[in-house]
Structures are given as C-alpha cells and as structure tokens.
Amino acid sequence: MNDFYQSHIILENDIIKLIPFNEKYENDLRQIIFDKEITKFTGNHIVSDQDLKNYINSTLKSRNEKISYPFIVIDKASGQVAGSTRFGNILFHSKRLEIGWTWYGDAFRGKGINKASKFELLRYAFEEMDFNRVQFSVDIENIRSQKAVLRIGAKQEGVFRNNYINAKGDPRDDVYFSIIKSEWPDIKSTVFSEFTFD
C-alpha cells in the first residue's frame, strides 16, 4: 500500500463519518478544541488561534511525511465536526498500526461517537488493510480513555514507561492495549453488533 497516504479514505456508518483531515475545517475545530480535557493527556498545548494553526499544520505534515493518517470526525446527527482521530505508527511489513490521537469536543462525548469511529477504523484495519494487530496507548492517569478502550474489546498488555512527552515537557507513562486479527470477528459480532448488518 505504497499509495496509502495519498489515498482518500472515507469511513462512515449511521452515527459518524470519518474524512481525511483538512485545513478547511479550522473554524469547526476552533469551536471545540479549546478545552483542557482534550489536551490534558497529549503533547499539544492548544489555547490560542496560533496553537490551533500549529496543530493543524503538524497534523497535515504527519500525513505528508507518512507518519500518520489523520481524520476529521463528523457527527452525522448534527452535521458538525466532533473531533479527530488517526491511524499512526503504521508498519506495513509487520501488519500493525495504532489507533489514537483521538479527541472529541465536550458536546460529543458519551454519545456513542467514539465507539462508532473505532468500529470503522478497526474494520478498515483488519478487513481492508488485512493487518494482524491494532494497538492503543493511553496515558497512565487517563482512566476514562483506558476504560473506553477496554469496552471495545481490547486487551491490556502493559505499561511503557516514559513513552511520550506531554505539553509541559514532562515524560509520561502509557498503558498499551491491543486487538489482534483472530479476535476481531468475535468482537465485531458482540461489542459492535449494532454496526453489523448480515
């Protein structure tokens, strides 16, 4: 999949639509991103318009440099931008990637948007890309996100110490989780049964 990063991937179901991250959504992102809950456990410090522009530029750069494939998440009920997520740490020869860098505006949390997004990303990774492993990393203090990852059927694997640097410049520990290809059919038919149409 040498052209993976140039491809125009759109994923959707009745709840969400994932489209390639694009700078034209700057105003939509501005409405929801200035929230400490979003940037608390990330390497981003977004409190100004310039911070937002820097975030958009670095996100687009990550795709151009083949580091990650970022998406804008659209809430189909309202038609509004709900947040962002991405595929990252993609190793084609090892058939594994990471789903993460995910955040949602306050009004879109707890609405099923995360689960709907994760279903489409997992389905694409396992069924379209034919990958063997999808992993997730979550800050050791981000209990909410850890619980969310467990709810979608991932298994906790361990703690990676000093795995990333947060916005304050402090080294942080991450908890790693994964779903492997052999587990996907059962997870798809149970955890994500509302999205499965036979």
N, C-alpha and C. Protein backbone atom coordinates (compact mmCIF):
# COMPACT_ATOMS: atom_id res chain seq x y z
N MET A 1 0.84 -1.21 0.00
CA MET A 1 0.00 0.00 0.00
C MET A 1 0.87 1.26 0.00
N ASN A 2 1.74 1.35 -1.02
CA ASN A 2 2.64 2.49 -1.11
C ASN A 2 1.89 3.80 -1.26
N ASP A 3 0.67 3.73 -1.82
CA ASP A 3 -0.11 4.94 -2.03
C ASP A 3 -1.10 5.20 -0.89
N PHE A 4 -0.93 4.49 0.21
CA PHE A 4 -1.86 4.59 1.34
C PHE A 4 -2.04 6.04 1.79
N TYR A 5 -0.95 6.75 1.96
CA TYR A 5 -1.02 8.11 2.50
C TYR A 5 -1.60 9.11 1.50
N GLN A 6 -1.60 8.76 0.21
CA GLN A 6 -2.20 9.62 -0.79
C GLN A 6 -3.66 9.27 -1.05
N SER A 7 -4.11 8.15 -0.53
CA SER A 7 -5.48 7.71 -0.77
C SER A 7 -6.48 8.57 -0.02
N HIS A 8 -7.69 8.64 -0.54
CA HIS A 8 -8.75 9.45 0.06
C HIS A 8 -9.72 8.51 0.77
N ILE A 9 -9.45 8.24 2.04
CA ILE A 9 -10.22 7.26 2.80
C ILE A 9 -11.41 7.95 3.48
N ILE A 10 -12.60 7.46 3.21
CA ILE A 10 -13.81 7.93 3.89
C ILE A 10 -14.49 6.72 4.52
N LEU A 11 -14.75 6.80 5.81
CA LEU A 11 -15.39 5.72 6.54
C LEU A 11 -16.64 6.26 7.21
N GLU A 12 -17.74 5.52 7.13
CA GLU A 12 -18.95 6.04 7.76
C GLU A 12 -19.95 4.96 8.09
N ASN A 13 -20.81 5.30 9.04
CA ASN A 13 -21.96 4.48 9.40
C ASN A 13 -23.08 5.44 9.75
N ASP A 14 -24.12 4.98 10.43
CA ASP A 14 -25.27 5.84 10.71
C ASP A 14 -24.95 6.96 11.69
N ILE A 15 -23.85 6.83 12.44
CA ILE A 15 -23.54 7.79 13.50
C ILE A 15 -22.47 8.79 13.11
N ILE A 16 -21.42 8.30 12.44
CA ILE A 16 -20.28 9.17 12.14
C ILE A 16 -19.85 9.05 10.70
N LYS A 17 -19.05 10.04 10.30
CA LYS A 17 -18.35 9.99 9.03
C LYS A 17 -16.92 10.45 9.28
N LEU A 18 -15.97 9.63 8.88
CA LEU A 18 -14.56 9.98 9.02
C LEU A 18 -14.05 10.38 7.66
N ILE A 19 -13.47 11.57 7.58
CA ILE A 19 -12.92 12.07 6.33
C ILE A 19 -11.48 12.52 6.57
N PRO A 20 -10.66 12.51 5.54
CA PRO A 20 -9.26 12.93 5.72
C PRO A 20 -9.17 14.33 6.34
N PHE A 21 -8.27 14.48 7.30
CA PHE A 21 -8.06 15.76 7.98
C PHE A 21 -7.72 16.83 6.95
N ASN A 22 -8.37 18.00 7.08
CA ASN A 22 -8.20 19.06 6.10
C ASN A 22 -8.26 20.42 6.79
N GLU A 23 -7.41 21.33 6.35
CA GLU A 23 -7.36 22.65 6.98
C GLU A 23 -8.63 23.46 6.80
N LYS A 24 -9.50 23.07 5.87
CA LYS A 24 -10.74 23.82 5.66
C LYS A 24 -11.68 23.71 6.86
N TYR A 25 -11.39 22.79 7.77
CA TYR A 25 -12.23 22.63 8.97
C TYR A 25 -11.70 23.42 10.17
N GLU A 26 -10.80 24.37 9.91
CA GLU A 26 -10.21 25.15 11.00
C GLU A 26 -11.27 25.82 11.88
N ASN A 27 -12.26 26.46 11.28
CA ASN A 27 -13.29 27.14 12.07
C ASN A 27 -14.12 26.16 12.88
N ASP A 28 -14.40 24.99 12.32
CA ASP A 28 -15.15 23.98 13.04
C ASP A 28 -14.35 23.46 14.23
N LEU A 29 -13.06 23.25 14.03
CA LEU A 29 -12.20 22.78 15.11
C LEU A 29 -12.09 23.84 16.21
N ARG A 30 -12.05 25.10 15.80
CA ARG A 30 -11.94 26.19 16.77
C ARG A 30 -13.10 26.19 17.76
N GLN A 31 -14.27 25.74 17.33
CA GLN A 31 -15.45 25.74 18.20
C GLN A 31 -15.35 24.74 19.35
N ILE A 32 -14.48 23.73 19.20
CA ILE A 32 -14.47 22.64 20.20
C ILE A 32 -13.13 22.33 20.82
N ILE A 33 -12.03 22.82 20.25
CA ILE A 33 -10.72 22.33 20.68
C ILE A 33 -10.14 23.05 21.90
N PHE A 34 -10.62 24.25 22.22
CA PHE A 34 -10.05 24.97 23.35
C PHE A 34 -10.65 24.45 24.66
N ASP A 35 -10.19 23.28 25.05
CA ASP A 35 -10.74 22.55 26.19
C ASP A 35 -9.60 21.79 26.85
N LYS A 36 -9.32 22.09 28.10
CA LYS A 36 -8.19 21.45 28.79
C LYS A 36 -8.33 19.93 28.86
N GLU A 37 -9.57 19.45 28.85
CA GLU A 37 -9.78 18.00 28.90
C GLU A 37 -9.24 17.31 27.65
N ILE A 38 -9.23 18.04 26.55
CA ILE A 38 -8.74 17.49 25.29
C ILE A 38 -7.22 17.38 25.29
N THR A 39 -6.56 18.42 25.74
CA THR A 39 -5.09 18.47 25.64
C THR A 39 -4.37 18.02 26.90
N LYS A 40 -5.11 17.65 27.92
CA LYS A 40 -4.51 17.28 29.21
C LYS A 40 -3.52 16.13 29.08
N PHE A 41 -3.85 15.14 28.26
CA PHE A 41 -3.01 13.96 28.14
C PHE A 41 -2.36 13.83 26.77
N THR A 42 -2.04 14.96 26.18
CA THR A 42 -1.39 14.92 24.87
C THR A 42 -0.15 15.79 24.87
N GLY A 43 0.56 15.76 23.78
CA GLY A 43 1.73 16.61 23.64
C GLY A 43 1.39 17.98 23.09
N ASN A 44 0.10 18.27 22.98
CA ASN A 44 -0.34 19.55 22.40
C ASN A 44 -0.79 20.52 23.49
N HIS A 45 -0.43 21.78 23.31
CA HIS A 45 -0.86 22.85 24.21
C HIS A 45 -1.64 23.84 23.35
N ILE A 46 -2.97 23.71 23.35
CA ILE A 46 -3.78 24.50 22.42
C ILE A 46 -4.69 25.46 23.19
N VAL A 47 -4.25 26.71 23.28
CA VAL A 47 -5.03 27.72 24.00
C VAL A 47 -5.24 28.99 23.17
N SER A 48 -4.66 29.03 21.97
CA SER A 48 -4.78 30.23 21.13
C SER A 48 -4.99 29.83 19.68
N ASP A 49 -5.35 30.82 18.87
CA ASP A 49 -5.53 30.56 17.44
C ASP A 49 -4.23 30.08 16.81
N GLN A 50 -3.10 30.62 17.25
CA GLN A 50 -1.82 30.19 16.69
C GLN A 50 -1.53 28.73 17.05
N ASP A 51 -1.90 28.34 18.29
CA ASP A 51 -1.75 26.94 18.69
C ASP A 51 -2.58 26.04 17.79
N LEU A 52 -3.79 26.48 17.48
CA LEU A 52 -4.66 25.71 16.60
C LEU A 52 -4.04 25.57 15.22
N LYS A 53 -3.53 26.68 14.69
CA LYS A 53 -2.89 26.63 13.37
C LYS A 53 -1.69 25.69 13.39
N ASN A 54 -0.92 25.72 14.47
CA ASN A 54 0.24 24.84 14.60
C ASN A 54 -0.19 23.38 14.64
N TYR A 55 -1.29 23.12 15.36
CA TYR A 55 -1.82 21.76 15.45
C TYR A 55 -2.26 21.26 14.07
N ILE A 56 -2.99 22.11 13.36
CA ILE A 56 -3.45 21.73 12.02
C ILE A 56 -2.26 21.47 11.09
N ASN A 57 -1.26 22.36 11.13
CA ASN A 57 -0.09 22.20 10.27
C ASN A 57 0.69 20.93 10.60
N SER A 58 0.86 20.64 11.89
CA SER A 58 1.62 19.45 12.28
C SER A 58 0.84 18.18 11.94
N THR A 59 -0.50 18.25 12.04
CA THR A 59 -1.33 17.09 11.69
C THR A 59 -1.24 16.80 10.19
N LEU A 60 -1.34 17.84 9.37
CA LEU A 60 -1.22 17.66 7.92
C LEU A 60 0.20 17.20 7.54
N LYS A 61 1.19 17.73 8.24
CA LYS A 61 2.58 17.35 7.98
C LYS A 61 2.79 15.87 8.29
N SER A 62 2.12 15.37 9.33
CA SER A 62 2.30 13.96 9.71
C SER A 62 1.84 13.02 8.60
N ARG A 63 0.82 13.45 7.87
CA ARG A 63 0.38 12.64 6.72
C ARG A 63 1.32 12.81 5.54
N ASN A 64 1.73 14.04 5.27
CA ASN A 64 2.63 14.29 4.14
C ASN A 64 3.96 13.55 4.31
N GLU A 65 4.39 13.42 5.57
CA GLU A 65 5.67 12.74 5.85
C GLU A 65 5.48 11.25 6.13
N LYS A 66 4.26 10.75 5.89
CA LYS A 66 3.93 9.34 6.05
C LYS A 66 4.18 8.84 7.47
N ILE A 67 3.77 9.68 8.43
CA ILE A 67 3.88 9.32 9.84
C ILE A 67 2.54 8.81 10.36
N SER A 68 1.46 9.44 9.90
CA SER A 68 0.13 9.00 10.33
C SER A 68 -0.90 9.38 9.26
N TYR A 69 -2.11 8.84 9.42
CA TYR A 69 -3.22 9.19 8.53
C TYR A 69 -4.34 9.73 9.41
N PRO A 70 -4.47 11.05 9.51
CA PRO A 70 -5.45 11.67 10.41
C PRO A 70 -6.82 11.88 9.75
N PHE A 71 -7.84 11.83 10.58
CA PHE A 71 -9.22 12.03 10.14
C PHE A 71 -9.90 13.13 10.93
N ILE A 72 -10.86 13.77 10.29
CA ILE A 72 -11.84 14.61 10.95
C ILE A 72 -13.05 13.71 11.22
N VAL A 73 -13.61 13.81 12.42
CA VAL A 73 -14.80 13.03 12.78
C VAL A 73 -16.03 13.94 12.69
N ILE A 74 -16.98 13.55 11.85
CA ILE A 74 -18.23 14.29 11.70
C ILE A 74 -19.35 13.55 12.42
N ASP A 75 -20.09 14.26 13.26
CA ASP A 75 -21.29 13.72 13.89
C ASP A 75 -22.44 13.86 12.89
N LYS A 76 -22.96 12.73 12.41
CA LYS A 76 -23.96 12.81 11.34
C LYS A 76 -25.30 13.36 11.82
N ALA A 77 -25.60 13.21 13.10
CA ALA A 77 -26.87 13.72 13.62
C ALA A 77 -26.94 15.24 13.52
N SER A 78 -25.83 15.91 13.82
CA SER A 78 -25.81 17.38 13.80
C SER A 78 -25.12 17.93 12.55
N GLY A 79 -24.32 17.10 11.90
CA GLY A 79 -23.55 17.56 10.76
C GLY A 79 -22.31 18.34 11.17
N GLN A 80 -22.01 18.35 12.47
CA GLN A 80 -20.89 19.15 12.97
C GLN A 80 -19.62 18.31 13.14
N VAL A 81 -18.49 19.00 13.13
CA VAL A 81 -17.22 18.35 13.44
C VAL A 81 -17.22 18.01 14.92
N ALA A 82 -16.98 16.73 15.22
CA ALA A 82 -16.99 16.26 16.61
C ALA A 82 -15.60 16.15 17.19
N GLY A 83 -14.59 15.98 16.34
CA GLY A 83 -13.23 15.82 16.83
C GLY A 83 -12.32 15.26 15.77
N SER A 84 -11.31 14.53 16.21
CA SER A 84 -10.32 13.99 15.30
C SER A 84 -9.77 12.68 15.84
N THR A 85 -9.29 11.84 14.93
CA THR A 85 -8.64 10.59 15.29
C THR A 85 -7.68 10.24 14.16
N ARG A 86 -6.87 9.21 14.35
CA ARG A 86 -5.95 8.85 13.27
C ARG A 86 -5.38 7.45 13.40
N PHE A 87 -4.89 6.96 12.26
CA PHE A 87 -4.02 5.79 12.22
C PHE A 87 -2.60 6.31 12.36
N GLY A 88 -1.80 5.67 13.19
CA GLY A 88 -0.40 6.07 13.32
C GLY A 88 0.48 4.87 13.61
N ASN A 89 1.78 5.11 13.71
CA ASN A 89 2.75 4.04 13.95
C ASN A 89 2.46 2.84 13.05
N ILE A 90 2.29 3.14 11.76
CA ILE A 90 1.88 2.12 10.78
C ILE A 90 3.12 1.40 10.25
N LEU A 91 3.15 0.10 10.45
CA LEU A 91 4.24 -0.74 9.93
C LEU A 91 3.63 -1.77 8.98
N PHE A 92 3.74 -1.51 7.70
CA PHE A 92 3.11 -2.38 6.72
C PHE A 92 3.75 -3.77 6.71
N HIS A 93 5.06 -3.84 6.87
CA HIS A 93 5.72 -5.15 6.83
C HIS A 93 5.37 -6.01 8.05
N SER A 94 5.04 -5.37 9.17
CA SER A 94 4.64 -6.11 10.37
C SER A 94 3.11 -6.22 10.48
N LYS A 95 2.41 -5.56 9.56
CA LYS A 95 0.94 -5.58 9.55
C LYS A 95 0.35 -5.15 10.88
N ARG A 96 0.81 -4.01 11.35
CA ARG A 96 0.26 -3.46 12.58
C ARG A 96 0.26 -1.94 12.54
N LEU A 97 -0.70 -1.38 13.29
CA LEU A 97 -0.80 0.07 13.40
C LEU A 97 -1.41 0.43 14.74
N GLU A 98 -1.44 1.71 15.01
CA GLU A 98 -2.04 2.22 16.25
C GLU A 98 -3.20 3.14 15.91
N ILE A 99 -4.28 3.02 16.63
CA ILE A 99 -5.39 3.97 16.54
C ILE A 99 -5.29 4.87 17.75
N GLY A 100 -5.28 6.17 17.51
CA GLY A 100 -5.14 7.08 18.65
C GLY A 100 -5.16 8.53 18.23
N TRP A 101 -4.52 9.37 19.08
CA TRP A 101 -4.51 10.82 18.89
C TRP A 101 -5.97 11.29 18.76
N THR A 102 -6.83 10.64 19.50
CA THR A 102 -8.28 10.85 19.39
C THR A 102 -8.77 11.85 20.42
N TRP A 103 -9.61 12.75 19.99
CA TRP A 103 -10.25 13.68 20.92
C TRP A 103 -11.60 14.11 20.35
N TYR A 104 -12.51 14.46 21.26
CA TYR A 104 -13.84 14.92 20.88
C TYR A 104 -14.21 16.15 21.70
N GLY A 105 -14.97 17.05 21.09
CA GLY A 105 -15.48 18.21 21.81
C GLY A 105 -16.43 17.75 22.91
N ASP A 106 -16.55 18.57 23.92
CA ASP A 106 -17.35 18.21 25.10
C ASP A 106 -18.77 17.76 24.76
N ALA A 107 -19.41 18.43 23.83
CA ALA A 107 -20.80 18.11 23.48
C ALA A 107 -20.94 16.76 22.79
N PHE A 108 -19.81 16.20 22.35
CA PHE A 108 -19.86 14.95 21.58
C PHE A 108 -19.35 13.74 22.36
N ARG A 109 -19.03 13.95 23.63
CA ARG A 109 -18.56 12.83 24.46
C ARG A 109 -19.74 12.09 25.05
N GLY A 110 -19.59 10.77 25.16
CA GLY A 110 -20.65 9.96 25.74
C GLY A 110 -21.87 9.81 24.85
N LYS A 111 -21.71 10.04 23.55
CA LYS A 111 -22.83 9.98 22.60
C LYS A 111 -22.73 8.78 21.66
N GLY A 112 -21.75 7.91 21.89
CA GLY A 112 -21.55 6.77 21.01
C GLY A 112 -20.68 7.06 19.81
N ILE A 113 -20.18 8.29 19.71
CA ILE A 113 -19.37 8.69 18.57
C ILE A 113 -18.03 7.97 18.57
N ASN A 114 -17.42 7.84 19.74
CA ASN A 114 -16.14 7.15 19.82
C ASN A 114 -16.27 5.69 19.40
N LYS A 115 -17.29 5.01 19.89
CA LYS A 115 -17.48 3.60 19.55
C LYS A 115 -17.73 3.43 18.05
N ALA A 116 -18.55 4.30 17.49
CA ALA A 116 -18.84 4.24 16.06
C ALA A 116 -17.59 4.48 15.23
N SER A 117 -16.74 5.41 15.67
CA SER A 117 -15.49 5.70 14.97
C SER A 117 -14.52 4.53 15.07
N LYS A 118 -14.40 3.99 16.28
CA LYS A 118 -13.47 2.87 16.47
C LYS A 118 -13.89 1.67 15.63
N PHE A 119 -15.20 1.43 15.50
CA PHE A 119 -15.65 0.32 14.68
C PHE A 119 -15.16 0.46 13.24
N GLU A 120 -15.34 1.64 12.67
CA GLU A 120 -14.94 1.84 11.28
C GLU A 120 -13.43 1.73 11.10
N LEU A 121 -12.67 2.27 12.06
CA LEU A 121 -11.21 2.20 11.98
C LEU A 121 -10.72 0.75 12.12
N LEU A 122 -11.29 0.02 13.07
CA LEU A 122 -10.90 -1.37 13.26
C LEU A 122 -11.29 -2.22 12.05
N ARG A 123 -12.49 -2.01 11.56
CA ARG A 123 -12.94 -2.76 10.39
C ARG A 123 -12.01 -2.52 9.21
N TYR A 124 -11.64 -1.27 9.00
CA TYR A 124 -10.75 -0.96 7.88
C TYR A 124 -9.37 -1.59 8.06
N ALA A 125 -8.85 -1.50 9.29
CA ALA A 125 -7.51 -2.05 9.55
C ALA A 125 -7.47 -3.56 9.35
N PHE A 126 -8.48 -4.27 9.85
CA PHE A 126 -8.47 -5.72 9.77
C PHE A 126 -9.00 -6.27 8.44
N GLU A 127 -10.02 -5.62 7.90
CA GLU A 127 -10.68 -6.18 6.73
C GLU A 127 -10.21 -5.59 5.40
N GLU A 128 -9.84 -4.34 5.38
CA GLU A 128 -9.36 -3.72 4.14
C GLU A 128 -7.84 -3.75 4.03
N MET A 129 -7.16 -3.43 5.14
CA MET A 129 -5.70 -3.42 5.13
C MET A 129 -5.13 -4.81 5.42
N ASP A 130 -5.97 -5.69 5.97
CA ASP A 130 -5.56 -7.06 6.31
C ASP A 130 -4.41 -7.08 7.31
N PHE A 131 -4.49 -6.19 8.30
CA PHE A 131 -3.46 -6.13 9.34
C PHE A 131 -3.74 -7.17 10.42
N ASN A 132 -2.68 -7.49 11.18
CA ASN A 132 -2.78 -8.50 12.22
C ASN A 132 -2.97 -7.94 13.62
N ARG A 133 -2.60 -6.67 13.80
CA ARG A 133 -2.63 -6.09 15.15
C ARG A 133 -2.99 -4.61 15.09
N VAL A 134 -3.88 -4.21 15.99
CA VAL A 134 -4.18 -2.80 16.20
C VAL A 134 -3.91 -2.52 17.67
N GLN A 135 -3.12 -1.50 17.93
CA GLN A 135 -2.79 -1.18 19.31
C GLN A 135 -3.28 0.21 19.69
N PHE A 136 -3.37 0.41 21.00
CA PHE A 136 -3.82 1.68 21.58
C PHE A 136 -2.89 2.01 22.74
N SER A 137 -2.50 3.26 22.87
CA SER A 137 -1.71 3.69 24.03
C SER A 137 -2.44 4.83 24.72
N VAL A 138 -2.52 4.72 26.05
CA VAL A 138 -3.29 5.69 26.83
C VAL A 138 -2.46 6.12 28.04
N ASP A 139 -2.41 7.42 28.31
CA ASP A 139 -1.69 7.93 29.48
C ASP A 139 -2.14 7.17 30.73
N ILE A 140 -1.20 6.87 31.59
CA ILE A 140 -1.46 6.04 32.76
C ILE A 140 -2.50 6.65 33.71
N GLU A 141 -2.66 7.97 33.64
CA GLU A 141 -3.65 8.63 34.50
C GLU A 141 -4.98 8.89 33.80
N ASN A 142 -5.05 8.57 32.51
CA ASN A 142 -6.27 8.82 31.74
C ASN A 142 -7.20 7.61 31.86
N ILE A 143 -7.81 7.49 33.02
CA ILE A 143 -8.64 6.33 33.33
C ILE A 143 -9.86 6.25 32.41
N ARG A 144 -10.45 7.39 32.10
CA ARG A 144 -11.63 7.41 31.22
C ARG A 144 -11.33 6.74 29.88
N SER A 145 -10.20 7.11 29.28
CA SER A 145 -9.85 6.54 27.98
C SER A 145 -9.45 5.08 28.09
N GLN A 146 -8.81 4.71 29.18
CA GLN A 146 -8.46 3.31 29.39
C GLN A 146 -9.72 2.45 29.44
N LYS A 147 -10.73 2.91 30.15
CA LYS A 147 -11.99 2.17 30.25
C LYS A 147 -12.67 2.08 28.88
N ALA A 148 -12.58 3.16 28.12
CA ALA A 148 -13.20 3.18 26.78
C ALA A 148 -12.54 2.15 25.87
N VAL A 149 -11.22 2.01 25.95
CA VAL A 149 -10.51 1.05 25.13
C VAL A 149 -10.87 -0.38 25.54
N LEU A 150 -10.97 -0.62 26.84
CA LEU A 150 -11.36 -1.95 27.32
C LEU A 150 -12.79 -2.30 26.87
N ARG A 151 -13.66 -1.30 26.83
CA ARG A 151 -15.06 -1.55 26.44
C ARG A 151 -15.20 -1.99 24.98
N ILE A 152 -14.23 -1.66 24.15
CA ILE A 152 -14.33 -2.09 22.75
C ILE A 152 -13.63 -3.43 22.52
N GLY A 153 -13.24 -4.10 23.60
CA GLY A 153 -12.71 -5.45 23.47
C GLY A 153 -11.20 -5.59 23.44
N ALA A 154 -10.48 -4.49 23.62
CA ALA A 154 -9.02 -4.57 23.62
C ALA A 154 -8.51 -5.21 24.91
N LYS A 155 -7.35 -5.82 24.82
CA LYS A 155 -6.72 -6.44 25.98
C LYS A 155 -5.55 -5.57 26.45
N GLN A 156 -5.47 -5.35 27.77
CA GLN A 156 -4.37 -4.57 28.31
C GLN A 156 -3.10 -5.42 28.29
N GLU A 157 -2.00 -4.81 27.87
CA GLU A 157 -0.74 -5.55 27.73
C GLU A 157 0.32 -5.13 28.74
N GLY A 158 0.45 -3.86 29.01
CA GLY A 158 1.50 -3.44 29.93
C GLY A 158 1.71 -1.94 29.91
N VAL A 159 2.65 -1.48 30.72
CA VAL A 159 2.96 -0.06 30.85
C VAL A 159 4.30 0.22 30.18
N PHE A 160 4.30 1.21 29.31
CA PHE A 160 5.53 1.68 28.68
C PHE A 160 5.95 2.95 29.43
N ARG A 161 7.05 2.87 30.13
CA ARG A 161 7.49 3.99 30.97
C ARG A 161 8.15 5.08 30.12
N ASN A 162 7.88 6.33 30.50
CA ASN A 162 8.44 7.49 29.78
C ASN A 162 8.24 7.35 28.27
N ASN A 163 7.02 7.05 27.88
CA ASN A 163 6.72 6.74 26.49
C ASN A 163 6.49 7.97 25.61
N TYR A 164 6.11 9.08 26.21
CA TYR A 164 5.94 10.31 25.43
C TYR A 164 6.16 11.53 26.31
N ILE A 165 6.27 12.67 25.69
CA ILE A 165 6.45 13.94 26.40
C ILE A 165 5.17 14.74 26.28
N ASN A 166 4.61 15.19 27.42
CA ASN A 166 3.37 15.96 27.36
C ASN A 166 3.64 17.42 27.02
N ALA A 167 2.56 18.21 26.99
CA ALA A 167 2.67 19.60 26.57
C ALA A 167 3.55 20.42 27.51
N LYS A 168 3.71 19.98 28.75
CA LYS A 168 4.55 20.69 29.72
C LYS A 168 6.01 20.27 29.63
N GLY A 169 6.27 19.25 28.79
CA GLY A 169 7.64 18.78 28.65
C GLY A 169 8.00 17.66 29.60
N ASP A 170 7.00 17.11 30.29
CA ASP A 170 7.25 16.04 31.26
C ASP A 170 7.14 14.67 30.58
N PRO A 171 8.03 13.73 30.94
CA PRO A 171 7.90 12.37 30.41
C PRO A 171 6.71 11.68 31.06
N ARG A 172 5.93 10.95 30.26
CA ARG A 172 4.72 10.30 30.75
C ARG A 172 4.71 8.81 30.41
N ASP A 173 4.08 8.04 31.29
CA ASP A 173 3.92 6.61 31.06
C ASP A 173 2.61 6.34 30.31
N ASP A 174 2.62 5.34 29.44
CA ASP A 174 1.44 4.93 28.69
C ASP A 174 1.09 3.48 29.02
N VAL A 175 -0.21 3.21 29.06
CA VAL A 175 -0.70 1.84 29.15
C VAL A 175 -1.03 1.39 27.73
N TYR A 176 -0.53 0.22 27.33
CA TYR A 176 -0.78 -0.30 25.98
C TYR A 176 -1.84 -1.39 25.99
N PHE A 177 -2.67 -1.35 24.95
CA PHE A 177 -3.74 -2.31 24.73
C PHE A 177 -3.66 -2.77 23.27
N SER A 178 -4.29 -3.91 22.97
CA SER A 178 -4.33 -4.33 21.57
C SER A 178 -5.53 -5.22 21.29
N ILE A 179 -5.86 -5.27 20.01
CA ILE A 179 -6.79 -6.25 19.45
C ILE A 179 -6.04 -6.90 18.31
N ILE A 180 -6.10 -8.23 18.21
CA ILE A 180 -5.43 -8.91 17.11
C ILE A 180 -6.48 -9.50 16.17
N LYS A 181 -6.03 -9.81 14.97
CA LYS A 181 -6.94 -10.18 13.90
C LYS A 181 -7.85 -11.36 14.26
N SER A 182 -7.33 -12.36 14.95
CA SER A 182 -8.13 -13.54 15.29
C SER A 182 -9.26 -13.21 16.26
N GLU A 183 -9.13 -12.10 16.99
CA GLU A 183 -10.17 -11.68 17.94
C GLU A 183 -11.25 -10.83 17.28
N TRP A 184 -10.94 -10.26 16.12
CA TRP A 184 -11.83 -9.29 15.51
C TRP A 184 -13.22 -9.84 15.18
N PRO A 185 -13.37 -11.02 14.57
CA PRO A 185 -14.72 -11.48 14.23
C PRO A 185 -15.66 -11.56 15.44
N ASP A 186 -15.16 -12.04 16.56
CA ASP A 186 -16.00 -12.12 17.76
C ASP A 186 -16.30 -10.74 18.32
N ILE A 187 -15.30 -9.88 18.36
CA ILE A 187 -15.52 -8.51 18.85
C ILE A 187 -16.50 -7.77 17.95
N LYS A 188 -16.37 -7.97 16.66
CA LYS A 188 -17.26 -7.31 15.69
C LYS A 188 -18.71 -7.73 15.91
N SER A 189 -18.93 -9.01 16.15
CA SER A 189 -20.31 -9.52 16.27
C SER A 189 -20.92 -9.34 17.66
N THR A 190 -20.10 -8.99 18.64
CA THR A 190 -20.62 -8.81 20.01
C THR A 190 -20.54 -7.34 20.43
N VAL A 191 -19.34 -6.84 20.59
CA VAL A 191 -19.16 -5.44 21.03
C VAL A 191 -19.78 -4.45 20.05
N PHE A 192 -19.61 -4.74 18.76
CA PHE A 192 -20.08 -3.81 17.72
C PHE A 192 -21.29 -4.35 16.97
N SER A 193 -22.10 -5.12 17.64
CA SER A 193 -23.23 -5.78 16.96
C SER A 193 -24.19 -4.81 16.30
N GLU A 194 -24.32 -3.59 16.84
CA GLU A 194 -25.25 -2.62 16.25
C GLU A 194 -24.80 -2.11 14.89
N PHE A 195 -23.51 -2.34 14.56
CA PHE A 195 -22.98 -1.90 13.27
C PHE A 195 -22.86 -3.03 12.27
N THR A 196 -23.21 -4.24 12.69
CA THR A 196 -23.05 -5.41 11.84
C THR A 196 -24.37 -5.73 11.15
N PHE A 197 -24.33 -5.72 9.84
CA PHE A 197 -25.54 -5.99 9.08
C PHE A 197 -25.32 -7.23 8.22
N ASP A 198 -26.03 -8.29 8.50
CA ASP A 198 -25.91 -9.54 7.74
C ASP A 198 -26.99 -9.63 6.67
